[in-house]
Amino acid sequence: MEPFKSLTAVACPLPFANIDTDQIVPARFMSTPRSAGYGGFLFHDRRRGADGQPTGAFPLDKPERASAKIIVAKRNFGCGSSREAAVYALMDFGIRCAIAPSFGEIFGGNSLSNGLLNARVSERDADVLLAELEAGLLDLRVDLDAQSITGGKAPIPFEIDPAAKLRLINGWDDVQMTLSFKDQITAFQKRDAVERPWVKPV
């Protein structure tokens, strides 16, 4: 997994609450192999009309937002089903950071496993960012170490679980996170063998 330390990029406002995983990637596309890429399915039904052609009305289809790597939404982003394909679609499109007041719990876990930063901000700060982006602001800078979002009129702090932050900064998966405690695990095993010798199978 690629480490995430900071990102300066075009940001796209998605001024909607409760964007669920079926909106992010409709279920009918989930039989596609991941190797084929899911970026083209991102928000498919919100970006295309009944004829399957892009309407150009969705925020990500605006020319100035086409290269966005950051999205800003309202509360409960990624709610709904547990499909990891929703994260695949975002990542394959090029999105590396989602900013919102809250996220679906399973979506959050899938995001972490794939290196997508979920930055939690207050409802007020989300509204401020959305208003600034809709007024023409293009770029934001997301600094994971400082847990800060800059580029607008004032820096905005964001929250993230400390363990998730450690994993993202180092690019660790679950196994690598565990191995980072190798010395402590080894020390415990040696101490425990002395203190509780009856535990070890004969």
N, C-alpha and C. Protein backbone atom coordinates (compact mmCIF):
# COMPACT_ATOMS: atom_id res chain seq x y z
N MET A 1 0.84 -1.19 0.00
CA MET A 1 0.00 0.00 0.00
C MET A 1 0.88 1.25 0.00
N GLU A 2 0.54 2.19 -0.85
CA GLU A 2 1.33 3.42 -0.94
C GLU A 2 1.13 4.28 0.31
N PRO A 3 2.22 4.72 0.96
CA PRO A 3 2.07 5.58 2.14
C PRO A 3 1.35 6.88 1.81
N PHE A 4 0.61 7.39 2.77
CA PHE A 4 -0.07 8.67 2.61
C PHE A 4 0.48 9.61 3.67
N LYS A 5 1.16 10.65 3.24
CA LYS A 5 1.69 11.63 4.18
C LYS A 5 0.99 12.98 3.99
N SER A 6 0.98 13.48 2.78
CA SER A 6 0.26 14.71 2.47
C SER A 6 -0.16 14.67 1.01
N LEU A 7 -1.14 15.46 0.67
CA LEU A 7 -1.66 15.50 -0.69
C LEU A 7 -2.13 16.91 -1.01
N THR A 8 -1.62 17.46 -2.08
CA THR A 8 -2.11 18.73 -2.61
C THR A 8 -2.70 18.44 -3.98
N ALA A 9 -3.99 18.68 -4.13
CA ALA A 9 -4.65 18.28 -5.37
C ALA A 9 -5.97 19.01 -5.55
N VAL A 10 -6.52 18.87 -6.75
CA VAL A 10 -7.86 19.39 -7.03
C VAL A 10 -8.86 18.66 -6.15
N ALA A 11 -9.78 19.41 -5.58
CA ALA A 11 -10.83 18.83 -4.74
C ALA A 11 -12.18 19.06 -5.40
N CYS A 12 -13.07 18.09 -5.24
CA CYS A 12 -14.40 18.18 -5.85
C CYS A 12 -15.47 18.19 -4.77
N PRO A 13 -16.38 19.16 -4.82
CA PRO A 13 -17.47 19.17 -3.84
C PRO A 13 -18.59 18.23 -4.25
N LEU A 14 -19.03 17.41 -3.32
CA LEU A 14 -20.21 16.56 -3.50
C LEU A 14 -21.18 16.94 -2.37
N PRO A 15 -21.99 17.96 -2.57
CA PRO A 15 -22.80 18.52 -1.48
C PRO A 15 -24.03 17.69 -1.16
N PHE A 16 -23.81 16.41 -0.86
CA PHE A 16 -24.92 15.50 -0.59
C PHE A 16 -24.62 14.71 0.68
N ALA A 17 -25.65 14.40 1.44
CA ALA A 17 -25.53 13.52 2.60
C ALA A 17 -25.94 12.10 2.21
N ASN A 18 -25.48 11.13 2.99
CA ASN A 18 -25.89 9.73 2.81
C ASN A 18 -25.59 9.18 1.41
N ILE A 19 -24.43 9.51 0.89
CA ILE A 19 -24.01 8.91 -0.38
C ILE A 19 -23.63 7.46 -0.08
N ASP A 20 -24.44 6.53 -0.56
CA ASP A 20 -24.22 5.13 -0.20
C ASP A 20 -23.34 4.43 -1.24
N THR A 21 -22.94 3.21 -0.89
CA THR A 21 -22.01 2.49 -1.75
C THR A 21 -22.64 2.08 -3.08
N ASP A 22 -23.97 1.98 -3.14
CA ASP A 22 -24.62 1.65 -4.41
C ASP A 22 -24.57 2.84 -5.37
N GLN A 23 -24.55 4.05 -4.82
CA GLN A 23 -24.36 5.22 -5.67
C GLN A 23 -22.91 5.30 -6.14
N ILE A 24 -21.99 4.95 -5.25
CA ILE A 24 -20.56 5.04 -5.60
C ILE A 24 -20.23 4.04 -6.70
N VAL A 25 -20.72 2.81 -6.58
CA VAL A 25 -20.56 1.82 -7.66
C VAL A 25 -21.76 0.89 -7.65
N PRO A 26 -22.62 0.96 -8.66
CA PRO A 26 -23.80 0.09 -8.71
C PRO A 26 -23.41 -1.39 -8.72
N ALA A 27 -24.24 -2.20 -8.09
CA ALA A 27 -23.93 -3.62 -7.88
C ALA A 27 -23.72 -4.38 -9.19
N ARG A 28 -24.37 -3.96 -10.26
CA ARG A 28 -24.29 -4.74 -11.51
C ARG A 28 -22.89 -4.74 -12.12
N PHE A 29 -22.02 -3.85 -11.63
CA PHE A 29 -20.66 -3.80 -12.17
C PHE A 29 -19.66 -4.62 -11.36
N MET A 30 -20.14 -5.22 -10.28
CA MET A 30 -19.21 -5.87 -9.35
C MET A 30 -18.67 -7.21 -9.83
N SER A 31 -19.21 -7.72 -10.94
CA SER A 31 -18.65 -8.96 -11.49
C SER A 31 -17.41 -8.70 -12.34
N THR A 32 -17.12 -7.42 -12.56
CA THR A 32 -15.94 -7.06 -13.35
C THR A 32 -14.68 -7.34 -12.54
N PRO A 33 -13.66 -7.97 -13.14
CA PRO A 33 -12.41 -8.21 -12.39
C PRO A 33 -11.77 -6.89 -11.97
N ARG A 34 -11.20 -6.88 -10.79
CA ARG A 34 -10.55 -5.65 -10.31
C ARG A 34 -9.44 -5.21 -11.27
N SER A 35 -8.79 -6.19 -11.92
CA SER A 35 -7.69 -5.87 -12.82
C SER A 35 -8.14 -5.02 -14.01
N ALA A 36 -9.44 -5.06 -14.30
CA ALA A 36 -9.97 -4.27 -15.41
C ALA A 36 -10.16 -2.80 -15.03
N GLY A 37 -10.16 -2.52 -13.72
CA GLY A 37 -10.33 -1.14 -13.26
C GLY A 37 -11.80 -0.80 -13.02
N TYR A 38 -12.05 -0.11 -11.92
CA TYR A 38 -13.41 0.27 -11.56
C TYR A 38 -13.67 1.77 -11.70
N GLY A 39 -12.66 2.53 -12.12
CA GLY A 39 -12.80 3.97 -12.18
C GLY A 39 -13.93 4.44 -13.07
N GLY A 40 -14.17 3.73 -14.16
CA GLY A 40 -15.23 4.12 -15.08
C GLY A 40 -16.62 3.91 -14.54
N PHE A 41 -16.74 3.14 -13.46
CA PHE A 41 -18.05 2.88 -12.85
C PHE A 41 -18.39 3.88 -11.74
N LEU A 42 -17.45 4.71 -11.37
CA LEU A 42 -17.66 5.60 -10.22
C LEU A 42 -18.86 6.52 -10.44
N PHE A 43 -19.81 6.45 -9.52
CA PHE A 43 -21.04 7.26 -9.58
C PHE A 43 -21.74 7.12 -10.94
N HIS A 44 -21.67 5.93 -11.51
CA HIS A 44 -22.17 5.70 -12.86
C HIS A 44 -23.58 6.22 -13.07
N ASP A 45 -24.50 5.86 -12.19
CA ASP A 45 -25.90 6.20 -12.41
C ASP A 45 -26.22 7.65 -12.09
N ARG A 46 -25.33 8.31 -11.38
CA ARG A 46 -25.53 9.73 -11.12
C ARG A 46 -24.86 10.60 -12.20
N ARG A 47 -23.95 10.00 -12.94
CA ARG A 47 -23.22 10.76 -13.96
C ARG A 47 -23.79 10.55 -15.36
N ARG A 48 -24.64 9.52 -15.52
CA ARG A 48 -25.14 9.17 -16.86
C ARG A 48 -26.66 9.16 -16.89
N GLY A 49 -27.19 9.47 -18.07
CA GLY A 49 -28.63 9.46 -18.26
C GLY A 49 -29.14 8.08 -18.60
N ALA A 50 -30.44 7.99 -18.93
CA ALA A 50 -31.06 6.71 -19.26
C ALA A 50 -30.43 6.08 -20.50
N ASP A 51 -29.84 6.91 -21.36
CA ASP A 51 -29.20 6.39 -22.56
C ASP A 51 -27.77 5.92 -22.32
N GLY A 52 -27.31 6.03 -21.05
CA GLY A 52 -25.96 5.59 -20.71
C GLY A 52 -24.88 6.61 -21.01
N GLN A 53 -25.26 7.76 -21.51
CA GLN A 53 -24.29 8.78 -21.86
C GLN A 53 -24.11 9.78 -20.71
N PRO A 54 -22.89 10.31 -20.54
CA PRO A 54 -22.67 11.30 -19.47
C PRO A 54 -23.54 12.54 -19.68
N THR A 55 -24.11 13.02 -18.59
CA THR A 55 -24.93 14.23 -18.67
C THR A 55 -24.08 15.49 -18.51
N GLY A 56 -22.91 15.34 -17.88
CA GLY A 56 -22.05 16.49 -17.64
C GLY A 56 -22.47 17.31 -16.44
N ALA A 57 -23.54 16.89 -15.75
CA ALA A 57 -24.07 17.67 -14.65
C ALA A 57 -23.43 17.32 -13.30
N PHE A 58 -22.87 16.12 -13.19
CA PHE A 58 -22.31 15.70 -11.91
C PHE A 58 -21.02 16.46 -11.64
N PRO A 59 -20.76 16.85 -10.37
CA PRO A 59 -19.58 17.67 -10.07
C PRO A 59 -18.26 17.13 -10.61
N LEU A 60 -18.05 15.81 -10.57
CA LEU A 60 -16.78 15.25 -11.05
C LEU A 60 -16.62 15.37 -12.56
N ASP A 61 -17.71 15.67 -13.27
CA ASP A 61 -17.63 15.79 -14.71
C ASP A 61 -17.39 17.23 -15.17
N LYS A 62 -17.32 18.15 -14.24
CA LYS A 62 -16.95 19.51 -14.61
C LYS A 62 -15.49 19.53 -15.03
N PRO A 63 -15.14 20.19 -16.12
CA PRO A 63 -13.75 20.15 -16.62
C PRO A 63 -12.71 20.49 -15.57
N GLU A 64 -13.01 21.47 -14.72
CA GLU A 64 -12.04 21.90 -13.72
C GLU A 64 -11.89 20.91 -12.56
N ARG A 65 -12.81 19.93 -12.46
CA ARG A 65 -12.76 18.94 -11.38
C ARG A 65 -12.37 17.55 -11.88
N ALA A 66 -12.14 17.40 -13.17
CA ALA A 66 -11.92 16.09 -13.77
C ALA A 66 -10.70 15.35 -13.20
N SER A 67 -9.71 16.10 -12.72
CA SER A 67 -8.49 15.47 -12.18
C SER A 67 -8.50 15.41 -10.66
N ALA A 68 -9.67 15.55 -10.05
CA ALA A 68 -9.76 15.60 -8.58
C ALA A 68 -9.21 14.34 -7.94
N LYS A 69 -8.46 14.53 -6.86
CA LYS A 69 -7.96 13.44 -6.04
C LYS A 69 -8.54 13.50 -4.63
N ILE A 70 -9.30 14.56 -4.37
CA ILE A 70 -9.94 14.78 -3.07
C ILE A 70 -11.42 15.05 -3.32
N ILE A 71 -12.28 14.45 -2.51
CA ILE A 71 -13.70 14.77 -2.57
C ILE A 71 -14.16 15.23 -1.19
N VAL A 72 -15.11 16.15 -1.18
CA VAL A 72 -15.68 16.66 0.06
C VAL A 72 -17.18 16.44 0.00
N ALA A 73 -17.71 15.77 1.01
CA ALA A 73 -19.14 15.44 1.02
C ALA A 73 -19.75 15.78 2.38
N LYS A 74 -21.04 15.57 2.49
CA LYS A 74 -21.73 15.76 3.77
C LYS A 74 -21.72 14.44 4.55
N ARG A 75 -22.49 14.39 5.61
CA ARG A 75 -22.40 13.29 6.57
C ARG A 75 -22.75 11.93 5.97
N ASN A 76 -22.21 10.89 6.63
CA ASN A 76 -22.55 9.49 6.34
C ASN A 76 -22.13 9.06 4.93
N PHE A 77 -20.95 9.49 4.52
CA PHE A 77 -20.44 9.09 3.21
C PHE A 77 -20.04 7.61 3.24
N GLY A 78 -20.45 6.86 2.21
CA GLY A 78 -20.09 5.44 2.14
C GLY A 78 -20.96 4.55 2.99
N CYS A 79 -22.16 4.99 3.30
CA CYS A 79 -23.08 4.14 4.07
C CYS A 79 -23.64 3.04 3.15
N GLY A 80 -24.45 2.16 3.72
CA GLY A 80 -25.08 1.12 2.90
C GLY A 80 -24.34 -0.20 2.97
N SER A 81 -24.21 -0.86 1.84
CA SER A 81 -23.66 -2.22 1.80
C SER A 81 -22.17 -2.22 2.10
N SER A 82 -21.64 -3.44 2.26
CA SER A 82 -20.23 -3.58 2.64
C SER A 82 -19.29 -3.67 1.44
N ARG A 83 -19.78 -3.43 0.24
CA ARG A 83 -18.98 -3.69 -0.96
C ARG A 83 -17.67 -2.89 -1.00
N GLU A 84 -16.57 -3.62 -1.04
CA GLU A 84 -15.25 -3.01 -1.15
C GLU A 84 -15.05 -2.37 -2.51
N ALA A 85 -15.86 -2.78 -3.49
CA ALA A 85 -15.77 -2.22 -4.84
C ALA A 85 -15.99 -0.72 -4.85
N ALA A 86 -16.71 -0.19 -3.85
CA ALA A 86 -16.91 1.26 -3.78
C ALA A 86 -15.58 1.97 -3.59
N VAL A 87 -14.72 1.40 -2.76
CA VAL A 87 -13.39 1.98 -2.56
C VAL A 87 -12.54 1.77 -3.80
N TYR A 88 -12.65 0.60 -4.44
CA TYR A 88 -11.92 0.36 -5.68
C TYR A 88 -12.25 1.44 -6.71
N ALA A 89 -13.53 1.76 -6.85
CA ALA A 89 -13.95 2.74 -7.86
C ALA A 89 -13.34 4.11 -7.58
N LEU A 90 -13.37 4.51 -6.31
CA LEU A 90 -12.78 5.80 -5.95
C LEU A 90 -11.28 5.82 -6.22
N MET A 91 -10.58 4.77 -5.76
CA MET A 91 -9.14 4.71 -5.93
C MET A 91 -8.75 4.62 -7.40
N ASP A 92 -9.46 3.81 -8.17
CA ASP A 92 -9.12 3.65 -9.58
C ASP A 92 -9.40 4.91 -10.38
N PHE A 93 -10.34 5.71 -9.91
CA PHE A 93 -10.61 7.00 -10.55
C PHE A 93 -9.50 8.00 -10.25
N GLY A 94 -8.82 7.78 -9.11
CA GLY A 94 -7.73 8.68 -8.71
C GLY A 94 -7.95 9.37 -7.38
N ILE A 95 -9.07 9.09 -6.71
CA ILE A 95 -9.37 9.72 -5.42
C ILE A 95 -8.51 9.08 -4.34
N ARG A 96 -7.79 9.91 -3.57
CA ARG A 96 -6.96 9.41 -2.47
C ARG A 96 -7.46 9.86 -1.10
N CYS A 97 -8.38 10.82 -1.08
CA CYS A 97 -8.86 11.34 0.20
C CYS A 97 -10.33 11.73 0.09
N ALA A 98 -11.13 11.28 1.06
CA ALA A 98 -12.53 11.70 1.16
C ALA A 98 -12.68 12.46 2.48
N ILE A 99 -13.29 13.63 2.40
CA ILE A 99 -13.50 14.49 3.56
C ILE A 99 -14.99 14.59 3.82
N ALA A 100 -15.41 14.29 5.04
CA ALA A 100 -16.84 14.34 5.39
C ALA A 100 -16.97 14.35 6.91
N PRO A 101 -18.14 14.71 7.43
CA PRO A 101 -18.34 14.68 8.88
C PRO A 101 -18.41 13.26 9.45
N SER A 102 -18.83 12.30 8.64
CA SER A 102 -18.89 10.91 9.11
C SER A 102 -18.90 9.99 7.90
N PHE A 103 -18.53 8.72 8.19
CA PHE A 103 -18.42 7.71 7.13
C PHE A 103 -19.10 6.42 7.57
N GLY A 104 -19.56 5.65 6.60
CA GLY A 104 -20.05 4.32 6.91
C GLY A 104 -18.94 3.51 7.55
N GLU A 105 -19.28 2.74 8.59
CA GLU A 105 -18.24 2.04 9.35
C GLU A 105 -17.48 1.02 8.50
N ILE A 106 -18.18 0.22 7.74
CA ILE A 106 -17.50 -0.79 6.92
C ILE A 106 -16.73 -0.12 5.79
N PHE A 107 -17.30 0.92 5.22
CA PHE A 107 -16.59 1.68 4.19
C PHE A 107 -15.28 2.22 4.74
N GLY A 108 -15.30 2.67 5.99
CA GLY A 108 -14.08 3.17 6.61
C GLY A 108 -13.00 2.11 6.70
N GLY A 109 -13.39 0.89 7.08
CA GLY A 109 -12.43 -0.20 7.15
C GLY A 109 -11.88 -0.57 5.79
N ASN A 110 -12.76 -0.60 4.78
CA ASN A 110 -12.31 -0.90 3.42
C ASN A 110 -11.39 0.18 2.89
N SER A 111 -11.68 1.42 3.24
CA SER A 111 -10.83 2.54 2.81
C SER A 111 -9.43 2.39 3.37
N LEU A 112 -9.36 2.07 4.66
CA LEU A 112 -8.06 1.93 5.31
C LEU A 112 -7.25 0.81 4.68
N SER A 113 -7.91 -0.29 4.36
CA SER A 113 -7.20 -1.43 3.78
C SER A 113 -6.64 -1.13 2.39
N ASN A 114 -7.20 -0.12 1.73
CA ASN A 114 -6.78 0.20 0.37
C ASN A 114 -6.01 1.52 0.26
N GLY A 115 -5.79 2.19 1.40
CA GLY A 115 -5.00 3.42 1.37
C GLY A 115 -5.77 4.68 1.05
N LEU A 116 -7.10 4.65 1.21
CA LEU A 116 -7.93 5.84 0.99
C LEU A 116 -8.15 6.54 2.32
N LEU A 117 -7.68 7.76 2.45
CA LEU A 117 -7.84 8.51 3.70
C LEU A 117 -9.27 9.01 3.85
N ASN A 118 -9.89 8.67 4.98
CA ASN A 118 -11.18 9.24 5.38
C ASN A 118 -10.91 10.29 6.45
N ALA A 119 -11.05 11.56 6.10
CA ALA A 119 -10.77 12.65 7.02
C ALA A 119 -12.09 13.18 7.57
N ARG A 120 -12.30 13.03 8.89
CA ARG A 120 -13.55 13.45 9.51
C ARG A 120 -13.44 14.90 9.99
N VAL A 121 -14.35 15.72 9.50
CA VAL A 121 -14.41 17.13 9.90
C VAL A 121 -15.78 17.39 10.53
N SER A 122 -15.91 18.54 11.16
CA SER A 122 -17.21 18.88 11.74
C SER A 122 -18.21 19.21 10.63
N GLU A 123 -19.50 19.15 10.97
CA GLU A 123 -20.53 19.51 9.99
C GLU A 123 -20.30 20.93 9.48
N ARG A 124 -19.97 21.82 10.40
CA ARG A 124 -19.75 23.22 10.01
C ARG A 124 -18.58 23.34 9.06
N ASP A 125 -17.47 22.67 9.37
CA ASP A 125 -16.29 22.78 8.52
C ASP A 125 -16.53 22.14 7.15
N ALA A 126 -17.31 21.07 7.11
CA ALA A 126 -17.66 20.47 5.82
C ALA A 126 -18.45 21.47 4.97
N ASP A 127 -19.38 22.17 5.61
CA ASP A 127 -20.17 23.17 4.88
C ASP A 127 -19.28 24.31 4.39
N VAL A 128 -18.32 24.71 5.21
CA VAL A 128 -17.39 25.78 4.80
C VAL A 128 -16.59 25.35 3.58
N LEU A 129 -16.03 24.14 3.63
CA LEU A 129 -15.24 23.65 2.50
C LEU A 129 -16.09 23.53 1.23
N LEU A 130 -17.28 22.99 1.38
CA LEU A 130 -18.17 22.84 0.23
C LEU A 130 -18.50 24.21 -0.38
N ALA A 131 -18.78 25.19 0.46
CA ALA A 131 -19.12 26.53 -0.04
C ALA A 131 -17.93 27.15 -0.77
N GLU A 132 -16.72 26.96 -0.22
CA GLU A 132 -15.54 27.53 -0.86
C GLU A 132 -15.26 26.85 -2.20
N LEU A 133 -15.41 25.54 -2.24
CA LEU A 133 -15.18 24.82 -3.50
C LEU A 133 -16.23 25.19 -4.55
N GLU A 134 -17.47 25.32 -4.13
CA GLU A 134 -18.52 25.67 -5.08
C GLU A 134 -18.38 27.11 -5.55
N ALA A 135 -17.67 27.93 -4.77
CA ALA A 135 -17.43 29.33 -5.17
C ALA A 135 -16.21 29.46 -6.09
N GLY A 136 -15.50 28.33 -6.32
CA GLY A 136 -14.39 28.38 -7.27
C GLY A 136 -13.05 27.91 -6.76
N LEU A 137 -12.92 27.66 -5.47
CA LEU A 137 -11.66 27.13 -4.94
C LEU A 137 -11.38 25.77 -5.60
N LEU A 138 -10.15 25.56 -6.05
CA LEU A 138 -9.82 24.33 -6.74
C LEU A 138 -9.01 23.36 -5.89
N ASP A 139 -7.88 23.82 -5.37
CA ASP A 139 -6.93 22.92 -4.70
C ASP A 139 -7.05 22.96 -3.18
N LEU A 140 -6.89 21.80 -2.57
CA LEU A 140 -6.75 21.69 -1.13
C LEU A 140 -5.47 20.92 -0.84
N ARG A 141 -4.92 21.16 0.34
CA ARG A 141 -3.77 20.38 0.81
C ARG A 141 -4.21 19.65 2.07
N VAL A 142 -4.03 18.34 2.07
CA VAL A 142 -4.38 17.51 3.22
C VAL A 142 -3.08 16.98 3.81
N ASP A 143 -2.79 17.36 5.04
CA ASP A 143 -1.57 16.94 5.74
C ASP A 143 -1.97 15.95 6.82
N LEU A 144 -1.64 14.69 6.62
CA LEU A 144 -2.07 13.66 7.57
C LEU A 144 -1.33 13.78 8.89
N ASP A 145 -0.05 14.08 8.86
CA ASP A 145 0.71 14.19 10.11
C ASP A 145 0.13 15.30 10.98
N ALA A 146 -0.15 16.45 10.38
CA ALA A 146 -0.70 17.59 11.13
C ALA A 146 -2.21 17.50 11.30
N GLN A 147 -2.85 16.57 10.59
CA GLN A 147 -4.31 16.44 10.58
C GLN A 147 -4.97 17.78 10.28
N SER A 148 -4.54 18.34 9.16
CA SER A 148 -4.99 19.68 8.79
C SER A 148 -5.30 19.75 7.30
N ILE A 149 -6.33 20.52 6.96
CA ILE A 149 -6.71 20.78 5.58
C ILE A 149 -6.55 22.27 5.32
N THR A 150 -5.74 22.62 4.34
CA THR A 150 -5.50 24.02 4.03
C THR A 150 -5.78 24.28 2.55
N GLY A 151 -5.82 25.56 2.23
CA GLY A 151 -6.10 25.97 0.86
C GLY A 151 -7.28 26.91 0.81
N GLY A 152 -8.14 26.82 1.81
CA GLY A 152 -9.27 27.72 1.90
C GLY A 152 -8.91 28.95 2.72
N LYS A 153 -9.89 29.62 3.24
CA LYS A 153 -9.65 30.85 3.98
C LYS A 153 -8.99 30.59 5.33
N ALA A 154 -9.22 29.42 5.90
CA ALA A 154 -8.63 29.10 7.21
C ALA A 154 -8.35 27.61 7.27
N PRO A 155 -7.28 27.22 7.99
CA PRO A 155 -6.99 25.78 8.15
C PRO A 155 -8.15 25.08 8.86
N ILE A 156 -8.40 23.85 8.46
CA ILE A 156 -9.47 23.06 9.06
C ILE A 156 -8.88 21.76 9.59
N PRO A 157 -9.08 21.46 10.87
CA PRO A 157 -8.56 20.21 11.43
C PRO A 157 -9.46 19.03 11.06
N PHE A 158 -8.88 17.85 11.05
CA PHE A 158 -9.70 16.67 10.86
C PHE A 158 -9.29 15.58 11.83
N GLU A 159 -10.20 14.65 12.07
CA GLU A 159 -9.96 13.56 13.01
C GLU A 159 -9.72 12.26 12.27
N ILE A 160 -8.91 11.41 12.88
CA ILE A 160 -8.67 10.07 12.36
C ILE A 160 -8.19 9.21 13.51
N ASP A 161 -8.58 7.95 13.51
CA ASP A 161 -8.13 7.02 14.54
C ASP A 161 -6.60 6.93 14.51
N PRO A 162 -5.93 7.00 15.67
CA PRO A 162 -4.46 6.98 15.69
C PRO A 162 -3.86 5.75 15.01
N ALA A 163 -4.47 4.58 15.18
CA ALA A 163 -3.94 3.38 14.54
C ALA A 163 -4.08 3.46 13.02
N ALA A 164 -5.21 4.01 12.57
CA ALA A 164 -5.41 4.18 11.13
C ALA A 164 -4.40 5.17 10.56
N LYS A 165 -4.14 6.23 11.31
CA LYS A 165 -3.15 7.22 10.89
C LYS A 165 -1.78 6.60 10.74
N LEU A 166 -1.39 5.78 11.72
CA LEU A 166 -0.08 5.12 11.68
C LEU A 166 0.03 4.21 10.46
N ARG A 167 -1.03 3.46 10.18
CA ARG A 167 -1.02 2.56 9.03
C ARG A 167 -0.90 3.33 7.71
N LEU A 168 -1.66 4.39 7.58
CA LEU A 168 -1.65 5.15 6.32
C LEU A 168 -0.31 5.84 6.09
N ILE A 169 0.24 6.44 7.13
CA ILE A 169 1.52 7.15 6.98
C ILE A 169 2.62 6.18 6.55
N ASN A 170 2.57 4.95 7.06
CA ASN A 170 3.61 3.98 6.74
C ASN A 170 3.25 3.07 5.56
N GLY A 171 2.01 3.13 5.11
CA GLY A 171 1.59 2.25 4.03
C GLY A 171 1.49 0.80 4.45
N TRP A 172 1.12 0.56 5.70
CA TRP A 172 1.08 -0.80 6.25
C TRP A 172 -0.29 -1.45 6.05
N ASP A 173 -0.27 -2.76 5.72
CA ASP A 173 -1.49 -3.54 5.80
C ASP A 173 -1.60 -4.13 7.20
N ASP A 174 -2.58 -5.02 7.42
CA ASP A 174 -2.80 -5.57 8.77
C ASP A 174 -1.57 -6.33 9.27
N VAL A 175 -0.97 -7.13 8.39
CA VAL A 175 0.19 -7.93 8.79
C VAL A 175 1.38 -7.04 9.12
N GLN A 176 1.62 -6.06 8.28
CA GLN A 176 2.75 -5.15 8.52
C GLN A 176 2.55 -4.35 9.81
N MET A 177 1.30 -4.00 10.10
CA MET A 177 1.02 -3.30 11.35
C MET A 177 1.38 -4.19 12.53
N THR A 178 1.00 -5.47 12.46
CA THR A 178 1.32 -6.41 13.53
C THR A 178 2.83 -6.58 13.67
N LEU A 179 3.53 -6.71 12.54
CA LEU A 179 4.98 -6.91 12.56
C LEU A 179 5.72 -5.70 13.11
N SER A 180 5.09 -4.54 13.11
CA SER A 180 5.74 -3.36 13.68
C SER A 180 5.92 -3.50 15.19
N PHE A 181 5.18 -4.44 15.78
CA PHE A 181 5.29 -4.71 17.22
C PHE A 181 6.09 -5.98 17.48
N LYS A 182 6.90 -6.40 16.53
CA LYS A 182 7.63 -7.66 16.63
C LYS A 182 8.48 -7.75 17.88
N ASP A 183 9.21 -6.67 18.21
CA ASP A 183 10.09 -6.70 19.39
C ASP A 183 9.27 -6.89 20.67
N GLN A 184 8.14 -6.18 20.77
CA GLN A 184 7.29 -6.30 21.95
C GLN A 184 6.68 -7.70 22.03
N ILE A 185 6.29 -8.26 20.90
CA ILE A 185 5.71 -9.60 20.88
C ILE A 185 6.73 -10.64 21.33
N THR A 186 7.96 -10.51 20.80
CA THR A 186 9.03 -11.44 21.16
C THR A 186 9.35 -11.35 22.65
N ALA A 187 9.40 -10.12 23.16
CA ALA A 187 9.69 -9.92 24.59
C ALA A 187 8.61 -10.54 25.46
N PHE A 188 7.35 -10.38 25.05
CA PHE A 188 6.24 -10.97 25.80
C PHE A 188 6.34 -12.49 25.80
N GLN A 189 6.64 -13.06 24.63
CA GLN A 189 6.71 -14.53 24.53
C GLN A 189 7.79 -15.09 25.44
N LYS A 190 8.94 -14.41 25.50
CA LYS A 190 10.03 -14.88 26.36
C LYS A 190 9.64 -14.76 27.83
N ARG A 191 9.03 -13.65 28.19
CA ARG A 191 8.62 -13.45 29.58
C ARG A 191 7.53 -14.42 29.98
N ASP A 192 6.59 -14.63 29.08
CA ASP A 192 5.47 -15.51 29.38
C ASP A 192 5.93 -16.97 29.52
N ALA A 193 6.95 -17.35 28.75
CA ALA A 193 7.47 -18.72 28.84
C ALA A 193 8.06 -18.99 30.21
N VAL A 194 8.60 -17.96 30.85
CA VAL A 194 9.17 -18.10 32.19
C VAL A 194 8.06 -18.06 33.23
N GLU A 195 7.12 -17.11 33.08
CA GLU A 195 6.09 -16.91 34.08
C GLU A 195 4.99 -17.98 34.02
N ARG A 196 4.74 -18.54 32.84
CA ARG A 196 3.65 -19.52 32.69
C ARG A 196 4.15 -20.67 31.82
N PRO A 197 5.10 -21.43 32.27
CA PRO A 197 5.66 -22.51 31.44
C PRO A 197 4.65 -23.59 31.10
N TRP A 198 3.59 -23.72 31.91
CA TRP A 198 2.59 -24.76 31.66
C TRP A 198 1.70 -24.45 30.44
N VAL A 199 1.76 -23.21 29.93
CA VAL A 199 0.93 -22.84 28.79
C VAL A 199 1.42 -23.44 27.50
N LYS A 200 2.75 -23.54 27.37
CA LYS A 200 3.34 -24.07 26.13
C LYS A 200 3.06 -25.56 25.99
N PRO A 201 2.51 -25.98 24.83
CA PRO A 201 2.24 -27.42 24.63
C PRO A 201 3.52 -28.23 24.71
N VAL A 202 3.40 -29.42 25.28
CA VAL A 202 4.56 -30.32 25.39
C VAL A 202 4.73 -31.10 24.08
